[in-house]
């Protein structure tokens, strides 16, 4: 029986990217990579990569954090999420209050330093900002520190947790961030990233829901997804890692990514994060 070349059912051409919802164990493997770095991530020729522009976002620098699945996760993942930063002081649009931050990443809002000082006196000493390191918080600074703390499983109380130069990062120099993730990746660290679907076709990450690799998805974490400032993208009917398709979720990673024995990786350095 001969095979008729005109009747052969051909396979579909091209690459179809899989989309997922749920919490995924990941490692951040690149921050603002150049063309060569992106070509390496995608295992393709550099000529096929468009030159990334990280400074074209209305006066802010875009920080792209590229992630892959953590070695503990068998589901192959490659994607990114972004944070936007600059060196401008954060001021509430409605309140007009300034955000302040200290070297332990504690934050507070006040109309000025004098008012902040008075407000701090009424707080429990363990929740007060460090008077020696209080400064005006800059755009994106709190978001970046929340990510770094989750990655390092850090809860700074007595030892400062502060980058060497926020000004450099706000200008696009991300060498310190790259070194940070390289150092913690070498220890097997990572985070659980809540994967979401934007506009029904784009992979996204709800960054406010990121937790350490060994952390449980508590009710406190789940509440971040709801309300006025919650997740605006589709995040599925559970927090299990699932493949997303238009007609339903056809794949579920049944691996239990519940916390094992948590270990603290908080920094002991006062002149940087590692």
C-alpha atoms as a PDB file:
ATOM      1  CA  UNK A   1       0.000   0.000   0.000  1.00  0.00           C
ATOM      2  CA  UNK A   2       1.539   3.264  -1.117  1.00  0.00           C
ATOM      3  CA  UNK A   3       1.470   6.443   0.932  1.00  0.00           C
ATOM      4  CA  UNK A   4      -0.143   9.251  -0.978  1.00  0.00           C
ATOM      5  CA  UNK A   5       1.881  12.391  -0.371  1.00  0.00           C
ATOM      6  CA  UNK A   6      -1.234  14.511  -0.832  1.00  0.00           C
ATOM      7  CA  UNK A   7      -3.149  12.704   1.911  1.00  0.00           C
ATOM      8  CA  UNK A   8      -0.588  12.837   4.701  1.00  0.00           C
ATOM      9  CA  UNK A   9      -1.837  14.615   7.839  1.00  0.00           C
ATOM     10  CA  UNK A  10       0.941  17.034   8.653  1.00  0.00           C
ATOM     11  CA  UNK A  11       1.815  18.042  12.215  1.00  0.00           C
ATOM     12  CA  UNK A  12       1.244  21.646  13.211  1.00  0.00           C
ATOM     13  CA  UNK A  13       4.323  23.810  12.840  1.00  0.00           C
ATOM     14  CA  UNK A  14       5.698  26.236  15.379  1.00  0.00           C
ATOM     15  CA  UNK A  15       6.069  26.323  19.137  1.00  0.00           C
ATOM     16  CA  UNK A  16       3.059  26.565  21.384  1.00  0.00           C
ATOM     17  CA  UNK A  17       3.908  28.003  24.773  1.00  0.00           C
ATOM     18  CA  UNK A  18       2.153  26.359  27.687  1.00  0.00           C
ATOM     19  CA  UNK A  19       0.461  28.567  30.262  1.00  0.00           C
ATOM     20  CA  UNK A  20      -0.007  27.728  33.939  1.00  0.00           C
ATOM     21  CA  UNK A  21      -1.898  28.830  37.017  1.00  0.00           C
ATOM     22  CA  UNK A  22      -1.126  28.095  40.642  1.00  0.00           C
ATOM     23  CA  UNK A  23       1.945  28.278  42.807  1.00  0.00           C
ATOM     24  CA  UNK A  24       5.142  27.198  41.059  1.00  0.00           C
ATOM     25  CA  UNK A  25       8.513  26.583  42.768  1.00  0.00           C
ATOM     26  CA  UNK A  26      10.972  28.682  40.753  1.00  0.00           C
ATOM     27  CA  UNK A  27      14.452  30.148  40.771  1.00  0.00           C
ATOM     28  CA  UNK A  28      15.263  33.563  39.348  1.00  0.00           C
ATOM     29  CA  UNK A  29      18.032  32.931  36.850  1.00  0.00           C
ATOM     30  CA  UNK A  30      18.463  36.354  35.207  1.00  0.00           C
ATOM     31  CA  UNK A  31      17.748  40.027  35.875  1.00  0.00           C
ATOM     32  CA  UNK A  32      17.519  42.387  32.889  1.00  0.00           C
ATOM     33  CA  UNK A  33      19.565  40.130  30.604  1.00  0.00           C
ATOM     34  CA  UNK A  34      21.057  41.573  27.430  1.00  0.00           C
ATOM     35  CA  UNK A  35      20.601  40.045  23.983  1.00  0.00           C
ATOM     36  CA  UNK A  36      23.250  37.399  24.647  1.00  0.00           C
ATOM     37  CA  UNK A  37      21.649  36.485  27.967  1.00  0.00           C
ATOM     38  CA  UNK A  38      18.192  36.174  26.418  1.00  0.00           C
ATOM     39  CA  UNK A  39      19.565  34.036  23.587  1.00  0.00           C
ATOM     40  CA  UNK A  40      21.072  31.733  26.194  1.00  0.00           C
ATOM     41  CA  UNK A  41      17.781  31.511  28.103  1.00  0.00           C
ATOM     42  CA  UNK A  42      15.874  30.545  24.977  1.00  0.00           C
ATOM     43  CA  UNK A  43      18.709  28.465  23.523  1.00  0.00           C
ATOM     44  CA  UNK A  44      18.547  30.337  20.230  1.00  0.00           C
ATOM     45  CA  UNK A  45      20.738  32.492  18.003  1.00  0.00           C
ATOM     46  CA  UNK A  46      21.391  36.028  19.196  1.00  0.00           C
ATOM     47  CA  UNK A  47      20.270  37.340  15.800  1.00  0.00           C
ATOM     48  CA  UNK A  48      16.728  36.229  16.663  1.00  0.00           C
ATOM     49  CA  UNK A  49      16.610  38.288  19.863  1.00  0.00           C
ATOM     50  CA  UNK A  50      15.274  41.825  19.919  1.00  0.00           C
ATOM     51  CA  UNK A  51      17.408  44.242  21.923  1.00  0.00           C
ATOM     52  CA  UNK A  52      15.624  44.671  25.274  1.00  0.00           C
ATOM     53  CA  UNK A  53      14.950  48.221  26.443  1.00  0.00           C
ATOM     54  CA  UNK A  54      14.552  48.559  30.177  1.00  0.00           C
ATOM     55  CA  UNK A  55      14.442  52.360  30.460  1.00  0.00           C
ATOM     56  CA  UNK A  56      11.471  53.245  28.269  1.00  0.00           C
ATOM     57  CA  UNK A  57       8.682  53.160  30.838  1.00  0.00           C
ATOM     58  CA  UNK A  58       7.623  56.727  31.678  1.00  0.00           C
ATOM     59  CA  UNK A  59      10.714  57.681  33.648  1.00  0.00           C
ATOM     60  CA  UNK A  60      11.040  54.321  35.378  1.00  0.00           C
ATOM     61  CA  UNK A  61      13.468  51.453  34.946  1.00  0.00           C
ATOM     62  CA  UNK A  62      11.814  48.093  34.324  1.00  0.00           C
ATOM     63  CA  UNK A  63      13.374  45.213  36.219  1.00  0.00           C
ATOM     64  CA  UNK A  64      12.701  41.923  34.442  1.00  0.00           C
ATOM     65  CA  UNK A  65      13.140  38.862  36.640  1.00  0.00           C
ATOM     66  CA  UNK A  66      13.435  35.709  34.522  1.00  0.00           C
ATOM     67  CA  UNK A  67      12.622  32.458  36.253  1.00  0.00           C
ATOM     68  CA  UNK A  68      12.886  28.735  35.617  1.00  0.00           C
ATOM     69  CA  UNK A  69      11.332  25.876  37.527  1.00  0.00           C
ATOM     70  CA  UNK A  70      13.163  25.035  40.747  1.00  0.00           C
ATOM     71  CA  UNK A  71      15.055  21.691  40.677  1.00  0.00           C
ATOM     72  CA  UNK A  72      12.343  20.331  42.997  1.00  0.00           C
ATOM     73  CA  UNK A  73       9.671  20.976  40.337  1.00  0.00           C
ATOM     74  CA  UNK A  74       9.370  18.625  37.346  1.00  0.00           C
ATOM     75  CA  UNK A  75       7.208  20.998  35.321  1.00  0.00           C
ATOM     76  CA  UNK A  76       9.402  22.903  32.867  1.00  0.00           C
ATOM     77  CA  UNK A  77       8.894  26.637  33.228  1.00  0.00           C
ATOM     78  CA  UNK A  78      10.489  29.703  31.698  1.00  0.00           C
ATOM     79  CA  UNK A  79       9.027  33.160  32.108  1.00  0.00           C
ATOM     80  CA  UNK A  80       9.436  36.556  33.683  1.00  0.00           C
ATOM     81  CA  UNK A  81       7.754  39.139  35.843  1.00  0.00           C
ATOM     82  CA  UNK A  82       8.580  42.824  36.165  1.00  0.00           C
ATOM     83  CA  UNK A  83       8.899  45.527  38.798  1.00  0.00           C
ATOM     84  CA  UNK A  84       9.297  49.238  38.020  1.00  0.00           C
ATOM     85  CA  UNK A  85      11.705  51.464  39.928  1.00  0.00           C
ATOM     86  CA  UNK A  86      13.257  54.908  39.987  1.00  0.00           C
ATOM     87  CA  UNK A  87      14.850  57.239  42.514  1.00  0.00           C
ATOM     88  CA  UNK A  88      11.767  59.367  43.157  1.00  0.00           C
ATOM     89  CA  UNK A  89      10.219  59.500  46.618  1.00  0.00           C
ATOM     90  CA  UNK A  90       6.945  57.617  47.039  1.00  0.00           C
ATOM     91  CA  UNK A  91       4.050  59.929  47.909  1.00  0.00           C
ATOM     92  CA  UNK A  92       0.459  58.752  48.325  1.00  0.00           C
ATOM     93  CA  UNK A  93      -1.777  60.014  45.519  1.00  0.00           C
ATOM     94  CA  UNK A  94      -4.739  60.627  47.799  1.00  0.00           C
ATOM     95  CA  UNK A  95      -3.168  61.157  51.226  1.00  0.00           C
ATOM     96  CA  UNK A  96      -0.160  63.181  50.140  1.00  0.00           C
ATOM     97  CA  UNK A  97       1.843  61.287  52.760  1.00  0.00           C
ATOM     98  CA  UNK A  98       5.433  60.224  52.167  1.00  0.00           C
ATOM     99  CA  UNK A  99       6.497  56.620  52.528  1.00  0.00           C
ATOM    100  CA  UNK A 100       9.522  56.012  54.746  1.00  0.00           C
ATOM    101  CA  UNK A 101      11.683  52.909  55.027  1.00  0.00           C
ATOM    102  CA  UNK A 102      14.603  51.824  57.207  1.00  0.00           C
ATOM    103  CA  UNK A 103      17.521  49.412  56.793  1.00  0.00           C
ATOM    104  CA  UNK A 104      15.376  46.563  58.124  1.00  0.00           C
ATOM    105  CA  UNK A 105      12.764  47.092  55.356  1.00  0.00           C
ATOM    106  CA  UNK A 106      10.127  48.357  57.795  1.00  0.00           C
ATOM    107  CA  UNK A 107       7.910  51.037  56.258  1.00  0.00           C
ATOM    108  CA  UNK A 108       5.566  53.774  57.447  1.00  0.00           C
ATOM    109  CA  UNK A 109       3.624  56.712  56.003  1.00  0.00           C
ATOM    110  CA  UNK A 110       3.620  60.270  57.351  1.00  0.00           C
ATOM    111  CA  UNK A 111       3.294  63.841  56.139  1.00  0.00           C
ATOM    112  CA  UNK A 112       6.830  64.584  57.353  1.00  0.00           C
ATOM    113  CA  UNK A 113       9.600  63.263  59.601  1.00  0.00           C
ATOM    114  CA  UNK A 114       8.379  65.152  62.652  1.00  0.00           C
ATOM    115  CA  UNK A 115       4.948  63.565  62.381  1.00  0.00           C
ATOM    116  CA  UNK A 116       6.519  60.174  61.731  1.00  0.00           C
ATOM    117  CA  UNK A 117       8.628  60.492  64.864  1.00  0.00           C
ATOM    118  CA  UNK A 118       5.562  61.291  66.957  1.00  0.00           C
ATOM    119  CA  UNK A 119       3.602  58.401  65.433  1.00  0.00           C
ATOM    120  CA  UNK A 120       6.434  55.984  66.135  1.00  0.00           C
ATOM    121  CA  UNK A 121       6.405  56.741  69.834  1.00  0.00           C
ATOM    122  CA  UNK A 122       2.922  55.265  70.135  1.00  0.00           C
ATOM    123  CA  UNK A 123       3.972  51.948  68.582  1.00  0.00           C
ATOM    124  CA  UNK A 124       5.395  48.846  70.184  1.00  0.00           C
ATOM    125  CA  UNK A 125       9.215  49.211  70.074  1.00  0.00           C
ATOM    126  CA  UNK A 126       9.517  46.051  67.958  1.00  0.00           C
ATOM    127  CA  UNK A 127       7.454  47.695  65.193  1.00  0.00           C
ATOM    128  CA  UNK A 128       9.162  51.077  65.172  1.00  0.00           C
ATOM    129  CA  UNK A 129      11.395  52.135  62.334  1.00  0.00           C
ATOM    130  CA  UNK A 130      15.087  52.338  63.088  1.00  0.00           C
ATOM    131  CA  UNK A 131      15.670  56.036  63.818  1.00  0.00           C
ATOM    132  CA  UNK A 132      19.273  55.862  62.581  1.00  0.00           C
ATOM    133  CA  UNK A 133      18.399  54.609  59.106  1.00  0.00           C
ATOM    134  CA  UNK A 134      14.988  56.134  58.318  1.00  0.00           C
ATOM    135  CA  UNK A 135      14.872  57.545  54.813  1.00  0.00           C
ATOM    136  CA  UNK A 136      12.304  58.362  52.141  1.00  0.00           C
ATOM    137  CA  UNK A 137      11.314  55.238  50.226  1.00  0.00           C
ATOM    138  CA  UNK A 138      11.809  55.313  46.481  1.00  0.00           C
ATOM    139  CA  UNK A 139       9.526  54.011  43.746  1.00  0.00           C
ATOM    140  CA  UNK A 140       9.580  50.216  43.693  1.00  0.00           C
ATOM    141  CA  UNK A 141      11.933  49.945  46.667  1.00  0.00           C
ATOM    142  CA  UNK A 142       9.471  48.186  48.968  1.00  0.00           C
ATOM    143  CA  UNK A 143       8.467  45.762  46.179  1.00  0.00           C
ATOM    144  CA  UNK A 144      12.083  44.827  45.475  1.00  0.00           C
ATOM    145  CA  UNK A 145      12.845  44.237  49.143  1.00  0.00           C
ATOM    146  CA  UNK A 146       9.722  42.097  49.561  1.00  0.00           C
ATOM    147  CA  UNK A 147      10.958  39.889  46.721  1.00  0.00           C
ATOM    148  CA  UNK A 148      14.476  39.665  48.145  1.00  0.00           C
ATOM    149  CA  UNK A 149      13.185  38.825  51.615  1.00  0.00           C
ATOM    150  CA  UNK A 150      10.990  36.065  50.234  1.00  0.00           C
ATOM    151  CA  UNK A 151      13.911  34.645  48.289  1.00  0.00           C
ATOM    152  CA  UNK A 152      16.265  34.704  51.267  1.00  0.00           C
ATOM    153  CA  UNK A 153      13.572  33.691  53.783  1.00  0.00           C
ATOM    154  CA  UNK A 154      14.710  36.785  55.676  1.00  0.00           C
ATOM    155  CA  UNK A 155      12.968  38.393  58.646  1.00  0.00           C
ATOM    156  CA  UNK A 156      15.347  41.238  59.497  1.00  0.00           C
ATOM    157  CA  UNK A 157      15.108  42.297  63.132  1.00  0.00           C
ATOM    158  CA  UNK A 158      18.625  42.898  64.437  1.00  0.00           C
ATOM    159  CA  UNK A 159      20.731  42.654  61.269  1.00  0.00           C
ATOM    160  CA  UNK A 160      20.198  45.197  58.468  1.00  0.00           C
ATOM    161  CA  UNK A 161      18.860  43.964  55.145  1.00  0.00           C
ATOM    162  CA  UNK A 162      19.808  46.679  52.707  1.00  0.00           C
ATOM    163  CA  UNK A 163      21.231  46.964  49.214  1.00  0.00           C
ATOM    164  CA  UNK A 164      24.560  48.693  48.731  1.00  0.00           C
ATOM    165  CA  UNK A 165      23.186  51.229  46.260  1.00  0.00           C
ATOM    166  CA  UNK A 166      19.535  51.765  45.434  1.00  0.00           C
ATOM    167  CA  UNK A 167      20.564  54.697  43.255  1.00  0.00           C
ATOM    168  CA  UNK A 168      22.556  52.365  40.993  1.00  0.00           C
ATOM    169  CA  UNK A 169      19.665  49.948  40.641  1.00  0.00           C
ATOM    170  CA  UNK A 170      17.281  52.813  39.873  1.00  0.00           C
ATOM    171  CA  UNK A 171      19.642  53.729  37.018  1.00  0.00           C
ATOM    172  CA  UNK A 172      19.571  50.196  35.617  1.00  0.00           C
ATOM    173  CA  UNK A 173      22.739  48.765  37.143  1.00  0.00           C
ATOM    174  CA  UNK A 174      21.453  45.399  38.369  1.00  0.00           C
ATOM    175  CA  UNK A 175      24.770  43.676  39.114  1.00  0.00           C
ATOM    176  CA  UNK A 176      24.011  43.537  42.840  1.00  0.00           C
ATOM    177  CA  UNK A 177      20.637  41.900  42.210  1.00  0.00           C
ATOM    178  CA  UNK A 178      22.210  39.319  39.908  1.00  0.00           C
ATOM    179  CA  UNK A 179      24.836  38.494  42.520  1.00  0.00           C
ATOM    180  CA  UNK A 180      22.123  38.156  45.154  1.00  0.00           C
ATOM    181  CA  UNK A 181      20.135  35.563  43.205  1.00  0.00           C
ATOM    182  CA  UNK A 182      23.256  33.686  42.093  1.00  0.00           C
ATOM    183  CA  UNK A 183      24.369  33.413  45.723  1.00  0.00           C
ATOM    184  CA  UNK A 184      21.044  32.113  47.003  1.00  0.00           C
ATOM    185  CA  UNK A 185      20.510  29.817  44.014  1.00  0.00           C
ATOM    186  CA  UNK A 186      23.807  28.139  44.874  1.00  0.00           C
ATOM    187  CA  UNK A 187      22.212  27.259  48.228  1.00  0.00           C
ATOM    188  CA  UNK A 188      19.151  25.768  46.534  1.00  0.00           C
ATOM    189  CA  UNK A 189      16.906  28.675  47.456  1.00  0.00           C
ATOM    190  CA  UNK A 190      13.932  29.942  45.500  1.00  0.00           C
ATOM    191  CA  UNK A 191      10.348  31.096  45.810  1.00  0.00           C
ATOM    192  CA  UNK A 192       6.841  29.927  45.115  1.00  0.00           C
ATOM    193  CA  UNK A 193       5.466  32.225  42.422  1.00  0.00           C
ATOM    194  CA  UNK A 194       1.700  32.447  41.839  1.00  0.00           C
ATOM    195  CA  UNK A 195       1.288  32.064  38.075  1.00  0.00           C
ATOM    196  CA  UNK A 196      -1.699  33.810  36.516  1.00  0.00           C
ATOM    197  CA  UNK A 197      -3.203  34.363  33.074  1.00  0.00           C
ATOM    198  CA  UNK A 198      -3.573  37.866  31.670  1.00  0.00           C
ATOM    199  CA  UNK A 199      -6.141  38.573  28.973  1.00  0.00           C
ATOM    200  CA  UNK A 200      -6.629  34.842  28.487  1.00  0.00           C
ATOM    201  CA  UNK A 201      -3.321  34.334  26.672  1.00  0.00           C
ATOM    202  CA  UNK A 202      -0.341  35.807  28.526  1.00  0.00           C
ATOM    203  CA  UNK A 203       1.570  34.213  31.382  1.00  0.00           C
ATOM    204  CA  UNK A 204       1.849  36.535  34.344  1.00  0.00           C
ATOM    205  CA  UNK A 205       2.835  36.477  38.016  1.00  0.00           C
ATOM    206  CA  UNK A 206       0.977  38.068  40.921  1.00  0.00           C
ATOM    207  CA  UNK A 207       4.088  39.466  42.574  1.00  0.00           C
ATOM    208  CA  UNK A 208       2.391  40.409  45.854  1.00  0.00           C
ATOM    209  CA  UNK A 209       1.681  36.725  46.426  1.00  0.00           C
ATOM    210  CA  UNK A 210       5.263  35.471  46.099  1.00  0.00           C
ATOM    211  CA  UNK A 211       6.450  33.479  49.118  1.00  0.00           C
ATOM    212  CA  UNK A 212       9.593  31.583  50.098  1.00  0.00           C
ATOM    213  CA  UNK A 213      10.102  28.094  48.703  1.00  0.00           C
ATOM    214  CA  UNK A 214       9.327  26.453  52.059  1.00  0.00           C
ATOM    215  CA  UNK A 215       6.440  28.707  53.050  1.00  0.00           C
ATOM    216  CA  UNK A 216       2.854  27.580  53.326  1.00  0.00           C
ATOM    217  CA  UNK A 217       0.091  29.315  51.355  1.00  0.00           C
ATOM    218  CA  UNK A 218      -1.681  30.695  54.398  1.00  0.00           C
ATOM    219  CA  UNK A 219      -5.029  32.464  54.647  1.00  0.00           C
ATOM    220  CA  UNK A 220      -3.079  35.720  55.011  1.00  0.00           C
ATOM    221  CA  UNK A 221      -1.399  35.080  51.651  1.00  0.00           C
ATOM    222  CA  UNK A 222      -4.670  34.057  49.993  1.00  0.00           C
ATOM    223  CA  UNK A 223      -6.347  37.295  51.095  1.00  0.00           C
ATOM    224  CA  UNK A 224      -3.830  39.242  49.018  1.00  0.00           C
ATOM    225  CA  UNK A 225      -5.535  37.923  45.891  1.00  0.00           C
ATOM    226  CA  UNK A 226      -8.878  39.508  46.712  1.00  0.00           C
ATOM    227  CA  UNK A 227     -10.203  43.013  47.216  1.00  0.00           C
ATOM    228  CA  UNK A 228      -9.509  46.329  45.542  1.00  0.00           C
ATOM    229  CA  UNK A 229      -5.737  45.811  45.407  1.00  0.00           C
ATOM    230  CA  UNK A 230      -5.873  42.074  44.761  1.00  0.00           C
ATOM    231  CA  UNK A 231      -5.022  40.009  41.706  1.00  0.00           C
ATOM    232  CA  UNK A 232      -6.727  41.270  38.548  1.00  0.00           C
ATOM    233  CA  UNK A 233      -5.676  38.306  36.395  1.00  0.00           C
ATOM    234  CA  UNK A 234      -7.084  34.774  36.286  1.00  0.00           C
ATOM    235  CA  UNK A 235      -5.441  32.535  38.876  1.00  0.00           C
ATOM    236  CA  UNK A 236      -7.560  29.401  38.622  1.00  0.00           C
ATOM    237  CA  UNK A 237      -9.883  27.607  40.986  1.00  0.00           C
ATOM    238  CA  UNK A 238      -7.105  26.520  43.338  1.00  0.00           C
ATOM    239  CA  UNK A 239      -3.468  27.253  44.085  1.00  0.00           C
ATOM    240  CA  UNK A 240      -2.249  23.946  42.653  1.00  0.00           C
ATOM    241  CA  UNK A 241       0.077  24.231  39.672  1.00  0.00           C
ATOM    242  CA  UNK A 242      -2.056  23.534  36.598  1.00  0.00           C
ATOM    243  CA  UNK A 243      -1.697  23.894  32.864  1.00  0.00           C
ATOM    244  CA  UNK A 244      -4.209  26.402  31.527  1.00  0.00           C
ATOM    245  CA  UNK A 245      -6.136  25.876  28.308  1.00  0.00           C
ATOM    246  CA  UNK A 246      -9.172  27.707  26.941  1.00  0.00           C
ATOM    247  CA  UNK A 247     -11.582  24.825  27.521  1.00  0.00           C
ATOM    248  CA  UNK A 248     -10.435  23.961  31.034  1.00  0.00           C
ATOM    249  CA  UNK A 249      -7.449  22.854  33.042  1.00  0.00           C
ATOM    250  CA  UNK A 250      -6.283  19.544  31.573  1.00  0.00           C
ATOM    251  CA  UNK A 251      -3.100  19.092  33.579  1.00  0.00           C
ATOM    252  CA  UNK A 252      -2.451  19.173  37.281  1.00  0.00           C
ATOM    253  CA  UNK A 253       0.919  18.839  38.945  1.00  0.00           C
ATOM    254  CA  UNK A 254      -0.097  16.707  41.933  1.00  0.00           C
ATOM    255  CA  UNK A 255       3.234  17.136  43.698  1.00  0.00           C
ATOM    256  CA  UNK A 256       2.754  18.463  47.217  1.00  0.00           C
ATOM    257  CA  UNK A 257       4.816  21.627  47.471  1.00  0.00           C
ATOM    258  CA  UNK A 258       3.932  22.132  51.115  1.00  0.00           C
ATOM    259  CA  UNK A 259       6.653  23.486  53.380  1.00  0.00           C
ATOM    260  CA  UNK A 260       9.363  21.111  54.518  1.00  0.00           C
ATOM    261  CA  UNK A 261      11.571  22.140  57.397  1.00  0.00           C
ATOM    262  CA  UNK A 262      12.006  25.897  56.859  1.00  0.00           C
ATOM    263  CA  UNK A 263      15.495  27.244  57.252  1.00  0.00           C
ATOM    264  CA  UNK A 264      16.433  30.865  57.631  1.00  0.00           C
ATOM    265  CA  UNK A 265      18.833  32.292  55.074  1.00  0.00           C
ATOM    266  CA  UNK A 266      18.749  35.866  56.307  1.00  0.00           C
ATOM    267  CA  UNK A 267      21.822  37.932  55.713  1.00  0.00           C
ATOM    268  CA  UNK A 268      24.437  38.704  58.324  1.00  0.00           C
ATOM    269  CA  UNK A 269      26.089  41.449  56.316  1.00  0.00           C
ATOM    270  CA  UNK A 270      25.629  45.119  57.094  1.00  0.00           C
ATOM    271  CA  UNK A 271      27.130  46.300  53.798  1.00  0.00           C
ATOM    272  CA  UNK A 272      24.914  44.422  51.364  1.00  0.00           C
ATOM    273  CA  UNK A 273      22.655  41.414  51.300  1.00  0.00           C
ATOM    274  CA  UNK A 274      25.183  38.578  51.197  1.00  0.00           C
END
